[in-house]
Amino acid sequence: MRPFCIALMALFLLPGVKGQQQPLLGSSLNNPFSLIPACAGLEGTLAAHAIYREQWQRVEGNPASFLFSVNTPLYSLLPGTPWVGSGAGMVAFRDHTGLTERIGVRPSFNGVFRFRPLLISASIHLEGSLNRFSGDRARTPEGEYEPGTIDHKDPALFAGSSQIGLLDAGASVAIQYRSALLGLSANNFLGSYSKNRTHPWTNARHYLLLANWTFKYGPWELKPQFVVYTDFLRFQTEVSVGAVYNGNIFGGVLYRGYNDRSNESLGLSFGFRLSDHWTAGYLHELRLGQPASEVFGQSQEFSLFYRLGRAFGSRQKPPKLMSPRYLD
C-alpha cells in the first residue's frame, strides 16, 4: 500500500494550482460518479443521470449547467482474478456563465481492487472542451451600442466572439468500506491553456473531496454527505443529509458554506421513483449570502436518474476465442 499512498499524495499536492472551480452540483448524493469518476460501476449496475441546474435566476448571464452522465461496471480485467474488476463512464456537460460557455465530454476508466471488506477504485479521465467567449453580449457604461455598432470603449474587452478547444486529463480515487465512501478527484491535471490574444484561457487545476455513508433503519435509509470544492486558493463546502423511505420516496437538506464569507445557500430536495428503473428529483436552494436572494434570486436543479438493475451485458458472457485446430 505504500506506493499507492505516495502516488495519491503526489496527485493532490502538485504545485501550480490556481483559477476556476467546476460547477456546483446538488444531486451528487444520489450519483457520486458525477463528481468522482472512480465511482464508475461501484453500484454494480449501469446507471445514468441527467440534470439541469440554474443559479441566481435574477442575475443577467446567471450560471446555468446541463450534465449527462452514464457509468457501468465491466468484466474482470484479469480472467481468474475476481478481486480485480473495472468500470467505465462518461460525462457530457454544458456550462454557461456570463460571457463564457463550456461544452465538453469527459470519458473515464477505472480499475477496482477488492480487499474485503475494503474496496479501492483508481480512475483516469480525459476531458475535451470547447470554450466560447461572446464579447458582443457585454455592456459597459461608456460603450456605444447602436444597431450594427458595438464599441465597449474598453481595451480589455473586445467586441466579437472566439472559441478555443482544449484537451485535459485527471485522476481520482474512491475507497469504499461497507456503507461508507470516500472519494478524491484531481481535474485539469495538465493545466491546458491557449495563447489566444483576445481570449486567453487556462484550465486551472481543481480538486474535490467527497465522503458519505449510509444508515438503514427498517424502511428508512439515511445518507449524510460532505463535499469540498477547492483550487487551494478558495474553498467551498457542502453538507447534505438525504432520506429514502421504502426505496420509493426521498428528500433531503443541503447547506453550502462554512462561514459568513462562504455562506451560499440552503437547499431542500425531494423526489420519487417513477418505475423500476427511473427516478426523478428536484432541488430548490434559498440564498443565504450577500447580496440577498431579493437581488440574486434563487437556484434550482432538476434531475432524472436511470438504473438498469444489472451490469450492462451481464446476461451474455464474453465470447470465447478458440483455435481452429480444435474444431475438427
C-alpha atoms as a PDB file:
ATOM      1  CA  MET A   1       0.000   0.000   0.000  1.00  0.00           C
ATOM      2  CA  ARG A   2       2.957   2.362   0.470  1.00  0.00           C
ATOM      3  CA  PRO A   3       3.492   3.072  -3.298  1.00  0.00           C
ATOM      4  CA  PHE A   4      -0.252   3.677  -3.600  1.00  0.00           C
ATOM      5  CA  CYS A   5      -0.175   6.251  -0.770  1.00  0.00           C
ATOM      6  CA  ILE A   6       2.850   8.020  -2.269  1.00  0.00           C
ATOM      7  CA  ALA A   7       1.152   8.256  -5.667  1.00  0.00           C
ATOM      8  CA  LEU A   8      -2.017   9.582  -4.044  1.00  0.00           C
ATOM      9  CA  MET A   9      -0.102  12.310  -2.181  1.00  0.00           C
ATOM     10  CA  ALA A  10       1.733  13.343  -5.350  1.00  0.00           C
ATOM     11  CA  LEU A  11      -1.554  13.574  -7.220  1.00  0.00           C
ATOM     12  CA  PHE A  12      -3.159  16.031  -4.792  1.00  0.00           C
ATOM     13  CA  LEU A  13      -0.109  18.103  -3.784  1.00  0.00           C
ATOM     14  CA  LEU A  14       1.197  19.175  -7.186  1.00  0.00           C
ATOM     15  CA  PRO A  15       2.245  22.840  -7.412  1.00  0.00           C
ATOM     16  CA  GLY A  16       0.775  25.455  -9.683  1.00  0.00           C
ATOM     17  CA  VAL A  17      -2.813  25.261  -8.518  1.00  0.00           C
ATOM     18  CA  LYS A  18      -4.943  28.255  -9.462  1.00  0.00           C
ATOM     19  CA  GLY A  19      -8.104  29.546 -11.040  1.00  0.00           C
ATOM     20  CA  GLN A  20     -11.525  28.159 -11.678  1.00  0.00           C
ATOM     21  CA  GLN A  21     -13.638  25.560  -9.944  1.00  0.00           C
ATOM     22  CA  GLN A  22     -16.127  23.271 -11.594  1.00  0.00           C
ATOM     23  CA  PRO A  23     -19.867  23.989 -11.315  1.00  0.00           C
ATOM     24  CA  LEU A  24     -21.599  23.036  -8.077  1.00  0.00           C
ATOM     25  CA  LEU A  25     -23.965  20.052  -8.159  1.00  0.00           C
ATOM     26  CA  GLY A  26     -26.589  19.436  -5.511  1.00  0.00           C
ATOM     27  CA  SER A  27     -27.710  15.970  -6.627  1.00  0.00           C
ATOM     28  CA  SER A  28     -24.359  14.189  -6.203  1.00  0.00           C
ATOM     29  CA  LEU A  29     -25.822  12.489  -3.116  1.00  0.00           C
ATOM     30  CA  ASN A  30     -27.648  10.133  -5.494  1.00  0.00           C
ATOM     31  CA  ASN A  31     -24.841   9.905  -8.047  1.00  0.00           C
ATOM     32  CA  PRO A  32     -21.290  10.405  -6.697  1.00  0.00           C
ATOM     33  CA  PHE A  33     -19.878   9.461 -10.127  1.00  0.00           C
ATOM     34  CA  SER A  34     -20.820  12.935 -11.391  1.00  0.00           C
ATOM     35  CA  LEU A  35     -18.075  14.320  -9.101  1.00  0.00           C
ATOM     36  CA  ILE A  36     -15.711  11.341  -8.605  1.00  0.00           C
ATOM     37  CA  PRO A  37     -15.053   9.331 -11.826  1.00  0.00           C
ATOM     38  CA  ALA A  38     -13.530   6.481  -9.787  1.00  0.00           C
ATOM     39  CA  CYS A  39     -17.065   5.661  -8.576  1.00  0.00           C
ATOM     40  CA  ALA A  40     -17.961   4.264 -12.014  1.00  0.00           C
ATOM     41  CA  GLY A  41     -19.536   0.827 -11.684  1.00  0.00           C
ATOM     42  CA  LEU A  42     -19.483   0.707  -7.884  1.00  0.00           C
ATOM     43  CA  GLU A  43     -23.283   0.390  -7.814  1.00  0.00           C
ATOM     44  CA  GLY A  44     -22.983  -2.886  -9.728  1.00  0.00           C
ATOM     45  CA  THR A  45     -25.328  -1.713 -12.464  1.00  0.00           C
ATOM     46  CA  LEU A  46     -25.461   0.564 -15.469  1.00  0.00           C
ATOM     47  CA  ALA A  47     -26.597   3.968 -14.194  1.00  0.00           C
ATOM     48  CA  ALA A  48     -27.359   7.244 -15.979  1.00  0.00           C
ATOM     49  CA  HIS A  49     -28.009  10.725 -14.608  1.00  0.00           C
ATOM     50  CA  ALA A  50     -29.233  13.925 -16.280  1.00  0.00           C
ATOM     51  CA  ILE A  51     -29.505  17.298 -14.521  1.00  0.00           C
ATOM     52  CA  TYR A  52     -30.305  20.880 -15.361  1.00  0.00           C
ATOM     53  CA  ARG A  53     -29.162  23.490 -12.836  1.00  0.00           C
ATOM     54  CA  GLU A  54     -29.773  27.239 -12.811  1.00  0.00           C
ATOM     55  CA  GLN A  55     -28.306  29.616 -10.210  1.00  0.00           C
ATOM     56  CA  TRP A  56     -29.156  33.203  -9.227  1.00  0.00           C
ATOM     57  CA  GLN A  57     -32.114  33.459 -11.564  1.00  0.00           C
ATOM     58  CA  ARG A  58     -32.486  37.250 -11.266  1.00  0.00           C
ATOM     59  CA  VAL A  59     -28.945  37.979 -12.472  1.00  0.00           C
ATOM     60  CA  GLU A  60     -28.398  38.522 -16.195  1.00  0.00           C
ATOM     61  CA  GLY A  61     -25.976  35.904 -17.507  1.00  0.00           C
ATOM     62  CA  ASN A  62     -26.556  33.749 -14.428  1.00  0.00           C
ATOM     63  CA  PRO A  63     -24.802  30.355 -14.232  1.00  0.00           C
ATOM     64  CA  ALA A  64     -26.684  27.525 -15.929  1.00  0.00           C
ATOM     65  CA  SER A  65     -25.460  23.952 -16.331  1.00  0.00           C
ATOM     66  CA  PHE A  66     -26.607  20.796 -18.077  1.00  0.00           C
ATOM     67  CA  LEU A  67     -24.918  17.488 -17.323  1.00  0.00           C
ATOM     68  CA  PHE A  68     -25.472  13.931 -18.527  1.00  0.00           C
ATOM     69  CA  SER A  69     -23.501  11.024 -17.112  1.00  0.00           C
ATOM     70  CA  VAL A  70     -23.505   7.265 -17.606  1.00  0.00           C
ATOM     71  CA  ASN A  71     -21.366   4.627 -15.895  1.00  0.00           C
ATOM     72  CA  THR A  72     -21.243   0.842 -15.666  1.00  0.00           C
ATOM     73  CA  PRO A  73     -19.136  -1.978 -14.220  1.00  0.00           C
ATOM     74  CA  LEU A  74     -17.118  -4.024 -16.706  1.00  0.00           C
ATOM     75  CA  TYR A  75     -15.888  -7.596 -16.736  1.00  0.00           C
ATOM     76  CA  SER A  76     -12.777  -8.527 -14.781  1.00  0.00           C
ATOM     77  CA  LEU A  77      -9.526  -7.039 -16.041  1.00  0.00           C
ATOM     78  CA  LEU A  78      -7.681 -10.304 -15.422  1.00  0.00           C
ATOM     79  CA  PRO A  79      -9.544 -13.611 -16.038  1.00  0.00           C
ATOM     80  CA  GLY A  80      -9.488 -15.838 -12.979  1.00  0.00           C
ATOM     81  CA  THR A  81      -8.921 -12.941 -10.559  1.00  0.00           C
ATOM     82  CA  PRO A  82     -12.336 -11.974  -9.153  1.00  0.00           C
ATOM     83  CA  TRP A  83     -10.722  -9.438  -6.819  1.00  0.00           C
ATOM     84  CA  VAL A  84      -9.723  -7.217  -9.767  1.00  0.00           C
ATOM     85  CA  GLY A  85     -12.568  -5.537 -11.660  1.00  0.00           C
ATOM     86  CA  SER A  86     -13.122  -2.389 -13.673  1.00  0.00           C
ATOM     87  CA  GLY A  87     -15.634   0.261 -14.583  1.00  0.00           C
ATOM     88  CA  ALA A  88     -16.123   2.938 -17.209  1.00  0.00           C
ATOM     89  CA  GLY A  89     -18.176   6.063 -17.596  1.00  0.00           C
ATOM     90  CA  MET A  90     -18.695   9.295 -19.478  1.00  0.00           C
ATOM     91  CA  VAL A  91     -19.896  12.778 -18.588  1.00  0.00           C
ATOM     92  CA  ALA A  92     -21.163  15.285 -21.163  1.00  0.00           C
ATOM     93  CA  PHE A  93     -21.677  18.861 -19.964  1.00  0.00           C
ATOM     94  CA  ARG A  94     -22.574  22.397 -20.940  1.00  0.00           C
ATOM     95  CA  ASP A  95     -21.834  25.288 -18.561  1.00  0.00           C
ATOM     96  CA  HIS A  96     -22.846  28.878 -19.232  1.00  0.00           C
ATOM     97  CA  THR A  97     -21.762  31.787 -17.023  1.00  0.00           C
ATOM     98  CA  GLY A  98     -21.847  35.419 -18.080  1.00  0.00           C
ATOM     99  CA  LEU A  99     -19.988  35.791 -21.373  1.00  0.00           C
ATOM    100  CA  THR A 100     -18.438  32.316 -21.359  1.00  0.00           C
ATOM    101  CA  GLU A 101     -19.730  28.896 -22.309  1.00  0.00           C
ATOM    102  CA  ARG A 102     -18.064  25.488 -21.985  1.00  0.00           C
ATOM    103  CA  ILE A 103     -19.214  22.372 -23.816  1.00  0.00           C
ATOM    104  CA  GLY A 104     -17.327  19.153 -23.267  1.00  0.00           C
ATOM    105  CA  VAL A 105     -17.135  15.430 -22.696  1.00  0.00           C
ATOM    106  CA  ARG A 106     -15.210  13.507 -20.043  1.00  0.00           C
ATOM    107  CA  PRO A 107     -14.719   9.725 -20.552  1.00  0.00           C
ATOM    108  CA  SER A 108     -13.161   7.715 -17.723  1.00  0.00           C
ATOM    109  CA  PHE A 109     -11.898   4.223 -16.935  1.00  0.00           C
ATOM    110  CA  ASN A 110     -11.185   2.770 -13.513  1.00  0.00           C
ATOM    111  CA  GLY A 111      -9.691  -0.356 -12.003  1.00  0.00           C
ATOM    112  CA  VAL A 112     -11.404  -1.804  -8.940  1.00  0.00           C
ATOM    113  CA  PHE A 113      -9.472  -3.790  -6.329  1.00  0.00           C
ATOM    114  CA  ARG A 114     -11.367  -5.749  -3.681  1.00  0.00           C
ATOM    115  CA  PHE A 115      -9.758  -6.428  -0.318  1.00  0.00           C
ATOM    116  CA  ARG A 116     -12.761  -7.490   1.760  1.00  0.00           C
ATOM    117  CA  PRO A 117     -14.370  -5.566   3.304  1.00  0.00           C
ATOM    118  CA  LEU A 118     -12.360  -2.758   1.655  1.00  0.00           C
ATOM    119  CA  LEU A 119     -12.784  -1.755  -1.991  1.00  0.00           C
ATOM    120  CA  ILE A 120     -10.374   0.631  -3.759  1.00  0.00           C
ATOM    121  CA  SER A 121     -11.049   2.134  -7.187  1.00  0.00           C
ATOM    122  CA  ALA A 122      -8.494   4.220  -9.124  1.00  0.00           C
ATOM    123  CA  SER A 123      -9.508   6.120 -12.251  1.00  0.00           C
ATOM    124  CA  ILE A 124      -8.066   8.230 -15.037  1.00  0.00           C
ATOM    125  CA  HIS A 125     -10.163  10.505 -17.218  1.00  0.00           C
ATOM    126  CA  LEU A 126      -9.756  12.751 -20.238  1.00  0.00           C
ATOM    127  CA  GLU A 127     -11.665  15.950 -20.881  1.00  0.00           C
ATOM    128  CA  GLY A 128     -12.201  17.603 -24.223  1.00  0.00           C
ATOM    129  CA  SER A 129     -13.888  21.001 -24.118  1.00  0.00           C
ATOM    130  CA  LEU A 130     -14.918  23.799 -26.441  1.00  0.00           C
ATOM    131  CA  ASN A 131     -14.690  27.168 -24.666  1.00  0.00           C
ATOM    132  CA  ARG A 132     -16.583  30.107 -26.128  1.00  0.00           C
ATOM    133  CA  PHE A 133     -16.395  33.797 -25.275  1.00  0.00           C
ATOM    134  CA  SER A 134     -19.095  36.197 -26.558  1.00  0.00           C
ATOM    135  CA  GLY A 135     -17.836  39.766 -26.252  1.00  0.00           C
ATOM    136  CA  ASP A 136     -20.854  41.136 -28.136  1.00  0.00           C
ATOM    137  CA  ARG A 137     -23.060  40.411 -25.125  1.00  0.00           C
ATOM    138  CA  ALA A 138     -21.062  42.642 -22.761  1.00  0.00           C
ATOM    139  CA  ARG A 139     -22.163  46.160 -21.858  1.00  0.00           C
ATOM    140  CA  THR A 140     -20.037  48.956 -20.339  1.00  0.00           C
ATOM    141  CA  PRO A 141     -21.136  52.407 -19.049  1.00  0.00           C
ATOM    142  CA  GLU A 142     -19.098  54.278 -21.695  1.00  0.00           C
ATOM    143  CA  GLY A 143     -19.814  51.877 -24.550  1.00  0.00           C
ATOM    144  CA  GLU A 144     -21.648  52.681 -27.778  1.00  0.00           C
ATOM    145  CA  TYR A 145     -24.347  50.195 -28.760  1.00  0.00           C
ATOM    146  CA  GLU A 146     -26.230  51.162 -31.876  1.00  0.00           C
ATOM    147  CA  PRO A 147     -27.712  48.819 -34.495  1.00  0.00           C
ATOM    148  CA  GLY A 148     -24.706  47.366 -36.290  1.00  0.00           C
ATOM    149  CA  THR A 149     -22.201  49.040 -33.936  1.00  0.00           C
ATOM    150  CA  ILE A 150     -20.661  47.601 -30.773  1.00  0.00           C
ATOM    151  CA  ASP A 151     -17.833  49.547 -29.137  1.00  0.00           C
ATOM    152  CA  HIS A 152     -17.151  48.808 -25.466  1.00  0.00           C
ATOM    153  CA  LYS A 153     -14.600  51.654 -25.084  1.00  0.00           C
ATOM    154  CA  ASP A 154     -12.560  49.227 -23.013  1.00  0.00           C
ATOM    155  CA  PRO A 155      -9.186  47.924 -24.292  1.00  0.00           C
ATOM    156  CA  ALA A 156      -9.510  44.806 -22.120  1.00  0.00           C
ATOM    157  CA  LEU A 157     -12.847  43.808 -23.659  1.00  0.00           C
ATOM    158  CA  PHE A 158     -13.143  43.097 -27.360  1.00  0.00           C
ATOM    159  CA  ALA A 159     -16.296  43.015 -29.466  1.00  0.00           C
ATOM    160  CA  GLY A 160     -16.866  39.713 -31.167  1.00  0.00           C
ATOM    161  CA  SER A 161     -16.626  36.094 -30.174  1.00  0.00           C
ATOM    162  CA  SER A 162     -13.978  33.399 -30.103  1.00  0.00           C
ATOM    163  CA  GLN A 163     -13.833  29.716 -29.325  1.00  0.00           C
ATOM    164  CA  ILE A 164     -10.991  27.532 -28.122  1.00  0.00           C
ATOM    165  CA  GLY A 165     -10.710  23.749 -27.976  1.00  0.00           C
ATOM    166  CA  LEU A 166      -8.699  22.197 -25.131  1.00  0.00           C
ATOM    167  CA  LEU A 167      -7.795  18.667 -24.080  1.00  0.00           C
ATOM    168  CA  ASP A 168      -7.009  17.851 -20.467  1.00  0.00           C
ATOM    169  CA  ALA A 169      -6.808  14.912 -18.075  1.00  0.00           C
ATOM    170  CA  GLY A 170      -7.382  13.999 -14.459  1.00  0.00           C
ATOM    171  CA  ALA A 171      -7.372  11.185 -11.936  1.00  0.00           C
ATOM    172  CA  SER A 172      -9.434  10.102  -8.966  1.00  0.00           C
ATOM    173  CA  VAL A 173      -9.588   7.530  -6.191  1.00  0.00           C
ATOM    174  CA  ALA A 174     -12.607   6.074  -4.377  1.00  0.00           C
ATOM    175  CA  ILE A 175     -12.410   3.964  -1.224  1.00  0.00           C
ATOM    176  CA  GLN A 176     -15.474   2.062  -0.059  1.00  0.00           C
ATOM    177  CA  TYR A 177     -15.735   0.383   3.336  1.00  0.00           C
ATOM    178  CA  ARG A 178     -19.063  -1.335   3.921  1.00  0.00           C
ATOM    179  CA  SER A 179     -21.607   1.513   3.651  1.00  0.00           C
ATOM    180  CA  ALA A 180     -19.052   4.363   3.751  1.00  0.00           C
ATOM    181  CA  LEU A 181     -17.496   6.014   0.692  1.00  0.00           C
ATOM    182  CA  LEU A 182     -14.514   8.377   0.418  1.00  0.00           C
ATOM    183  CA  GLY A 183     -13.621   9.939  -2.938  1.00  0.00           C
ATOM    184  CA  LEU A 184     -10.851  12.275  -4.132  1.00  0.00           C
ATOM    185  CA  SER A 185     -10.570  13.775  -7.599  1.00  0.00           C
ATOM    186  CA  ALA A 186      -7.978  15.975  -9.357  1.00  0.00           C
ATOM    187  CA  ASN A 187      -9.222  17.700 -12.512  1.00  0.00           C
ATOM    188  CA  ASN A 188      -7.450  19.571 -15.326  1.00  0.00           C
ATOM    189  CA  PHE A 189      -4.269  17.754 -14.358  1.00  0.00           C
ATOM    190  CA  LEU A 190      -2.351  19.054 -17.403  1.00  0.00           C
ATOM    191  CA  GLY A 191      -3.354  22.692 -16.955  1.00  0.00           C
ATOM    192  CA  SER A 192      -4.007  23.086 -20.689  1.00  0.00           C
ATOM    193  CA  TYR A 193      -4.069  26.639 -21.982  1.00  0.00           C
ATOM    194  CA  SER A 194      -4.497  28.739 -25.100  1.00  0.00           C
ATOM    195  CA  LYS A 195      -2.402  31.736 -26.156  1.00  0.00           C
ATOM    196  CA  ASN A 196      -5.285  33.363 -27.996  1.00  0.00           C
ATOM    197  CA  ARG A 197      -4.552  37.104 -27.751  1.00  0.00           C
ATOM    198  CA  THR A 198      -8.145  38.230 -27.485  1.00  0.00           C
ATOM    199  CA  HIS A 199      -9.349  35.400 -25.267  1.00  0.00           C
ATOM    200  CA  PRO A 200      -6.618  33.602 -23.288  1.00  0.00           C
ATOM    201  CA  TRP A 201      -7.883  30.562 -21.417  1.00  0.00           C
ATOM    202  CA  THR A 202      -6.290  28.279 -18.830  1.00  0.00           C
ATOM    203  CA  ASN A 203      -7.712  25.043 -17.472  1.00  0.00           C
ATOM    204  CA  ALA A 204      -6.614  25.611 -13.882  1.00  0.00           C
ATOM    205  CA  ARG A 205      -6.473  22.556 -11.655  1.00  0.00           C
ATOM    206  CA  HIS A 206      -9.222  21.983  -9.122  1.00  0.00           C
ATOM    207  CA  TYR A 207      -9.891  19.269  -6.599  1.00  0.00           C
ATOM    208  CA  LEU A 208     -12.819  17.528  -4.958  1.00  0.00           C
ATOM    209  CA  LEU A 209     -13.259  15.559  -1.770  1.00  0.00           C
ATOM    210  CA  LEU A 210     -16.451  13.583  -1.142  1.00  0.00           C
ATOM    211  CA  ALA A 211     -17.426  11.464   1.852  1.00  0.00           C
ATOM    212  CA  ASN A 212     -20.757   9.808   2.583  1.00  0.00           C
ATOM    213  CA  TRP A 213     -22.127   6.880   4.496  1.00  0.00           C
ATOM    214  CA  THR A 214     -25.472   5.096   4.633  1.00  0.00           C
ATOM    215  CA  PHE A 215     -27.541   4.030   7.640  1.00  0.00           C
ATOM    216  CA  LYS A 216     -30.601   1.773   7.404  1.00  0.00           C
ATOM    217  CA  TYR A 217     -33.454   1.727   9.914  1.00  0.00           C
ATOM    218  CA  GLY A 218     -36.255  -0.551   8.780  1.00  0.00           C
ATOM    219  CA  PRO A 219     -37.873   1.016   5.683  1.00  0.00           C
ATOM    220  CA  TRP A 220     -35.755   4.162   6.130  1.00  0.00           C
ATOM    221  CA  GLU A 221     -32.334   4.847   4.639  1.00  0.00           C
ATOM    222  CA  LEU A 222     -30.319   7.870   5.791  1.00  0.00           C
ATOM    223  CA  LYS A 223     -27.260   9.165   3.949  1.00  0.00           C
ATOM    224  CA  PRO A 224     -25.209  12.144   5.232  1.00  0.00           C
ATOM    225  CA  GLN A 225     -22.596  13.547   2.821  1.00  0.00           C
ATOM    226  CA  PHE A 226     -19.754  16.069   2.958  1.00  0.00           C
ATOM    227  CA  VAL A 227     -18.184  17.624  -0.185  1.00  0.00           C
ATOM    228  CA  VAL A 228     -15.281  20.073  -0.550  1.00  0.00           C
ATOM    229  CA  TYR A 229     -14.622  22.008  -3.788  1.00  0.00           C
ATOM    230  CA  THR A 230     -11.216  23.701  -3.897  1.00  0.00           C
ATOM    231  CA  ASP A 231      -8.401  25.037  -6.056  1.00  0.00           C
ATOM    232  CA  PHE A 232      -6.304  25.635  -2.898  1.00  0.00           C
ATOM    233  CA  LEU A 233      -6.978  29.370  -3.263  1.00  0.00           C
ATOM    234  CA  ARG A 234     -10.670  29.150  -2.452  1.00  0.00           C
ATOM    235  CA  PHE A 235     -12.739  26.541  -0.665  1.00  0.00           C
ATOM    236  CA  GLN A 236     -16.416  25.733  -0.709  1.00  0.00           C
ATOM    237  CA  THR A 237     -18.062  23.055   1.410  1.00  0.00           C
ATOM    238  CA  GLU A 238     -21.362  21.276   1.052  1.00  0.00           C
ATOM    239  CA  VAL A 239     -23.100  19.305   3.805  1.00  0.00           C
ATOM    240  CA  SER A 240     -26.242  17.346   2.993  1.00  0.00           C
ATOM    241  CA  VAL A 241     -28.439  14.680   4.530  1.00  0.00           C
ATOM    242  CA  GLY A 242     -30.762  12.570   2.411  1.00  0.00           C
ATOM    243  CA  ALA A 243     -33.515  10.175   3.465  1.00  0.00           C
ATOM    244  CA  VAL A 244     -35.220   7.448   1.430  1.00  0.00           C
ATOM    245  CA  TYR A 245     -38.427   5.726   2.513  1.00  0.00           C
ATOM    246  CA  ASN A 246     -39.134   2.225   1.263  1.00  0.00           C
ATOM    247  CA  GLY A 247     -36.939   2.848  -1.790  1.00  0.00           C
ATOM    248  CA  ASN A 248     -39.664   4.948  -3.423  1.00  0.00           C
ATOM    249  CA  ILE A 249     -39.671   8.469  -1.935  1.00  0.00           C
ATOM    250  CA  PHE A 250     -36.676  10.573  -0.962  1.00  0.00           C
ATOM    251  CA  GLY A 251     -35.911  14.024   0.370  1.00  0.00           C
ATOM    252  CA  GLY A 252     -33.043  15.935   1.892  1.00  0.00           C
ATOM    253  CA  VAL A 253     -31.473  19.112   3.222  1.00  0.00           C
ATOM    254  CA  LEU A 254     -28.314  20.765   1.850  1.00  0.00           C
ATOM    255  CA  TYR A 255     -26.185  23.542   3.341  1.00  0.00           C
ATOM    256  CA  ARG A 256     -23.439  25.139   1.249  1.00  0.00           C
ATOM    257  CA  GLY A 257     -20.825  27.223   3.084  1.00  0.00           C
ATOM    258  CA  TYR A 258     -18.820  27.231   6.311  1.00  0.00           C
ATOM    259  CA  ASN A 259     -18.589  30.875   7.477  1.00  0.00           C
ATOM    260  CA  ASP A 260     -20.028  34.338   6.790  1.00  0.00           C
ATOM    261  CA  ARG A 261     -17.972  34.796   3.617  1.00  0.00           C
ATOM    262  CA  SER A 262     -18.700  31.385   2.108  1.00  0.00           C
ATOM    263  CA  ASN A 263     -22.391  31.063   3.018  1.00  0.00           C
ATOM    264  CA  GLU A 264     -24.097  30.300  -0.273  1.00  0.00           C
ATOM    265  CA  SER A 265     -27.428  28.543   0.129  1.00  0.00           C
ATOM    266  CA  LEU A 266     -29.756  26.241   1.998  1.00  0.00           C
ATOM    267  CA  GLY A 267     -31.341  23.615  -0.230  1.00  0.00           C
ATOM    268  CA  LEU A 268     -34.389  21.380   0.094  1.00  0.00           C
ATOM    269  CA  SER A 269     -34.770  18.374  -2.189  1.00  0.00           C
ATOM    270  CA  PHE A 270     -37.398  15.741  -2.850  1.00  0.00           C
ATOM    271  CA  GLY A 271     -38.076  13.058  -5.418  1.00  0.00           C
ATOM    272  CA  PHE A 272     -39.854   9.824  -6.112  1.00  0.00           C
ATOM    273  CA  ARG A 273     -39.490   6.612  -8.045  1.00  0.00           C
ATOM    274  CA  LEU A 274     -41.274   6.644 -11.403  1.00  0.00           C
ATOM    275  CA  SER A 275     -40.752   2.952 -12.229  1.00  0.00           C
ATOM    276  CA  ASP A 276     -38.356   0.092 -11.550  1.00  0.00           C
ATOM    277  CA  HIS A 277     -35.635   1.946 -13.458  1.00  0.00           C
ATOM    278  CA  TRP A 278     -36.482   5.672 -13.387  1.00  0.00           C
ATOM    279  CA  THR A 279     -36.340   8.225 -10.550  1.00  0.00           C
ATOM    280  CA  ALA A 280     -36.990  11.987 -10.680  1.00  0.00           C
ATOM    281  CA  GLY A 281     -35.698  14.621  -8.268  1.00  0.00           C
ATOM    282  CA  TYR A 282     -35.861  18.370  -7.601  1.00  0.00           C
ATOM    283  CA  LEU A 283     -33.658  20.671  -5.506  1.00  0.00           C
ATOM    284  CA  HIS A 284     -34.551  24.245  -4.543  1.00  0.00           C
ATOM    285  CA  GLU A 285     -31.905  26.464  -2.951  1.00  0.00           C
ATOM    286  CA  LEU A 286     -32.530  29.582  -0.875  1.00  0.00           C
ATOM    287  CA  ARG A 287     -29.648  32.048  -0.951  1.00  0.00           C
ATOM    288  CA  LEU A 288     -28.035  32.798   2.425  1.00  0.00           C
ATOM    289  CA  GLY A 289     -25.129  35.061   1.443  1.00  0.00           C
ATOM    290  CA  GLN A 290     -24.968  38.697   0.408  1.00  0.00           C
ATOM    291  CA  PRO A 291     -26.404  40.153  -1.761  1.00  0.00           C
ATOM    292  CA  ALA A 292     -29.608  38.512  -0.601  1.00  0.00           C
ATOM    293  CA  SER A 293     -31.962  36.398  -2.684  1.00  0.00           C
ATOM    294  CA  GLU A 294     -34.077  39.502  -3.443  1.00  0.00           C
ATOM    295  CA  VAL A 295     -31.172  40.679  -5.624  1.00  0.00           C
ATOM    296  CA  PHE A 296     -29.603  37.436  -6.838  1.00  0.00           C
ATOM    297  CA  GLY A 297     -32.702  35.281  -6.934  1.00  0.00           C
ATOM    298  CA  GLN A 298     -32.849  31.614  -6.057  1.00  0.00           C
ATOM    299  CA  SER A 299     -31.382  28.446  -7.555  1.00  0.00           C
ATOM    300  CA  GLN A 300     -32.961  25.199  -8.637  1.00  0.00           C
ATOM    301  CA  GLU A 301     -31.895  21.852 -10.015  1.00  0.00           C
ATOM    302  CA  PHE A 302     -33.893  19.189 -11.871  1.00  0.00           C
ATOM    303  CA  SER A 303     -32.587  15.627 -12.077  1.00  0.00           C
ATOM    304  CA  LEU A 304     -33.529  12.335 -13.698  1.00  0.00           C
ATOM    305  CA  PHE A 305     -31.897   9.011 -12.786  1.00  0.00           C
ATOM    306  CA  TYR A 306     -31.892   5.677 -14.601  1.00  0.00           C
ATOM    307  CA  ARG A 307     -30.639   2.383 -13.180  1.00  0.00           C
ATOM    308  CA  LEU A 308     -30.712  -0.773 -15.274  1.00  0.00           C
ATOM    309  CA  GLY A 309     -30.554  -3.012 -12.205  1.00  0.00           C
ATOM    310  CA  ARG A 310     -27.718  -5.193 -13.505  1.00  0.00           C
ATOM    311  CA  ALA A 311     -24.327  -4.845 -15.156  1.00  0.00           C
ATOM    312  CA  PHE A 312     -24.501  -3.938 -18.830  1.00  0.00           C
ATOM    313  CA  GLY A 313     -24.302  -7.104 -20.934  1.00  0.00           C
ATOM    314  CA  SER A 314     -24.415  -9.384 -17.888  1.00  0.00           C
ATOM    315  CA  ARG A 315     -26.949 -11.710 -19.497  1.00  0.00           C
ATOM    316  CA  GLN A 316     -24.389 -12.826 -22.058  1.00  0.00           C
ATOM    317  CA  LYS A 317     -20.821 -13.747 -21.270  1.00  0.00           C
ATOM    318  CA  PRO A 318     -17.900 -12.518 -23.386  1.00  0.00           C
ATOM    319  CA  PRO A 319     -17.287 -14.809 -26.404  1.00  0.00           C
ATOM    320  CA  LYS A 320     -14.581 -17.448 -26.019  1.00  0.00           C
ATOM    321  CA  LEU A 321     -11.821 -17.356 -28.622  1.00  0.00           C
ATOM    322  CA  MET A 322     -10.995 -20.893 -29.789  1.00  0.00           C
ATOM    323  CA  SER A 323      -8.238 -22.072 -32.098  1.00  0.00           C
ATOM    324  CA  PRO A 324      -9.500 -23.596 -35.403  1.00  0.00           C
ATOM    325  CA  ARG A 325      -7.256 -26.637 -34.895  1.00  0.00           C
ATOM    326  CA  TYR A 326      -9.505 -27.790 -32.039  1.00  0.00           C
ATOM    327  CA  LEU A 327     -12.733 -27.564 -34.049  1.00  0.00           C
ATOM    328  CA  ASP A 328     -12.198 -30.808 -36.029  1.00  0.00           C
END
